[in-house]
Amino acid sequence: MFAVVNGTERELPDGVSVAGLLDKLGMTRTGVAVALDGAVVPRGNWTTTTLRSGSVVEVLTAVGGG
């Protein structure tokens, strides 16, 4: 299946979860927020929320500074 992740179309396994996507991207789960089709996915739902073909995902990381 294909989904758009941070503006780039990616081929992903069918039924991949948000947590599985982060693993595939090699991202840590600390300081990260995920939006799926325009709605924030609570961290507690990352393992149970699955992507569909055509999903649009934004993965945001916190950046400190001043």
C-alpha atoms as a PDB file:
ATOM      1  CA  MET A   1       0.000   0.000   0.000  1.00  0.00           C
ATOM      2  CA  PHE A   2       1.048   3.611  -0.410  1.00  0.00           C
ATOM      3  CA  ALA A   3       0.728   6.458   2.097  1.00  0.00           C
ATOM      4  CA  VAL A   4       2.061   9.993   2.182  1.00  0.00           C
ATOM      5  CA  VAL A   5       4.475  10.525   5.075  1.00  0.00           C
ATOM      6  CA  ASN A   6       5.692  14.077   5.686  1.00  0.00           C
ATOM      7  CA  GLY A   7       4.879  14.971   2.084  1.00  0.00           C
ATOM      8  CA  THR A   8       6.568  11.958   0.479  1.00  0.00           C
ATOM      9  CA  GLU A   9       4.695   8.968  -0.912  1.00  0.00           C
ATOM     10  CA  ARG A  10       6.015   5.744   0.609  1.00  0.00           C
ATOM     11  CA  GLU A  11       5.272   2.095   0.042  1.00  0.00           C
ATOM     12  CA  LEU A  12       4.397   0.456   3.351  1.00  0.00           C
ATOM     13  CA  PRO A  13       3.240  -2.989   4.480  1.00  0.00           C
ATOM     14  CA  ASP A  14      -0.528  -3.470   4.531  1.00  0.00           C
ATOM     15  CA  GLY A  15      -2.022  -2.723   7.937  1.00  0.00           C
ATOM     16  CA  VAL A  16       1.110  -1.090   9.366  1.00  0.00           C
ATOM     17  CA  SER A  17       0.474   0.678  12.665  1.00  0.00           C
ATOM     18  CA  VAL A  18       1.658   4.158  13.562  1.00  0.00           C
ATOM     19  CA  ALA A  19       4.230   2.520  15.882  1.00  0.00           C
ATOM     20  CA  GLY A  20       5.353   0.246  13.037  1.00  0.00           C
ATOM     21  CA  LEU A  21       5.743   3.243  10.755  1.00  0.00           C
ATOM     22  CA  LEU A  22       7.964   5.001  13.303  1.00  0.00           C
ATOM     23  CA  ASP A  23      10.057   1.844  13.606  1.00  0.00           C
ATOM     24  CA  LYS A  24      10.355   1.625   9.813  1.00  0.00           C
ATOM     25  CA  LEU A  25      11.470   5.269   9.704  1.00  0.00           C
ATOM     26  CA  GLY A  26      14.027   4.609  12.454  1.00  0.00           C
ATOM     27  CA  MET A  27      12.516   7.273  14.688  1.00  0.00           C
ATOM     28  CA  THR A  28      12.525   7.328  18.448  1.00  0.00           C
ATOM     29  CA  ARG A  29       9.181   7.686  20.189  1.00  0.00           C
ATOM     30  CA  THR A  30      10.320  10.425  22.537  1.00  0.00           C
ATOM     31  CA  GLY A  31       9.475  14.006  21.587  1.00  0.00           C
ATOM     32  CA  VAL A  32       7.354  12.872  18.639  1.00  0.00           C
ATOM     33  CA  ALA A  33       3.762  13.652  17.687  1.00  0.00           C
ATOM     34  CA  VAL A  34       1.840  11.966  14.876  1.00  0.00           C
ATOM     35  CA  ALA A  35      -1.138  13.212  12.879  1.00  0.00           C
ATOM     36  CA  LEU A  36      -3.071  10.807  10.666  1.00  0.00           C
ATOM     37  CA  ASP A  37      -5.364  12.314   8.035  1.00  0.00           C
ATOM     38  CA  GLY A  38      -5.349  15.625   9.906  1.00  0.00           C
ATOM     39  CA  ALA A  39      -6.060  14.283  13.410  1.00  0.00           C
ATOM     40  CA  VAL A  40      -3.509  13.841  16.182  1.00  0.00           C
ATOM     41  CA  VAL A  41      -3.076  10.198  17.203  1.00  0.00           C
ATOM     42  CA  PRO A  42      -2.596   9.878  20.979  1.00  0.00           C
ATOM     43  CA  ARG A  43       0.616   8.060  21.895  1.00  0.00           C
ATOM     44  CA  GLY A  44      -1.398   5.352  23.657  1.00  0.00           C
ATOM     45  CA  ASN A  45      -3.091   4.483  20.351  1.00  0.00           C
ATOM     46  CA  TRP A  46       0.031   4.198  18.191  1.00  0.00           C
ATOM     47  CA  THR A  47       0.151   0.384  18.325  1.00  0.00           C
ATOM     48  CA  THR A  48      -3.561  -0.029  17.535  1.00  0.00           C
ATOM     49  CA  THR A  49      -4.028   2.708  14.921  1.00  0.00           C
ATOM     50  CA  THR A  50      -3.354   1.378  11.425  1.00  0.00           C
ATOM     51  CA  LEU A  51      -2.755   3.196   8.186  1.00  0.00           C
ATOM     52  CA  ARG A  52      -4.784   2.647   5.041  1.00  0.00           C
ATOM     53  CA  SER A  53      -3.725   3.081   1.456  1.00  0.00           C
ATOM     54  CA  GLY A  54      -3.864   6.804   0.744  1.00  0.00           C
ATOM     55  CA  SER A  55      -3.378   7.833   4.376  1.00  0.00           C
ATOM     56  CA  VAL A  56      -1.616  11.127   4.989  1.00  0.00           C
ATOM     57  CA  VAL A  57       0.739  11.072   7.971  1.00  0.00           C
ATOM     58  CA  GLU A  58       2.701  13.901   9.530  1.00  0.00           C
ATOM     59  CA  VAL A  59       5.413  12.975  12.009  1.00  0.00           C
ATOM     60  CA  LEU A  60       6.584  15.952  14.036  1.00  0.00           C
ATOM     61  CA  THR A  61       9.552  16.107  16.364  1.00  0.00           C
ATOM     62  CA  ALA A  62      10.003  18.569  19.189  1.00  0.00           C
ATOM     63  CA  VAL A  63      12.908  20.972  18.812  1.00  0.00           C
ATOM     64  CA  GLY A  64      14.296  22.915  21.734  1.00  0.00           C
ATOM     65  CA  GLY A  65      15.923  26.259  21.441  1.00  0.00           C
ATOM     66  CA  GLY A  66      15.707  29.799  22.444  1.00  0.00           C
END
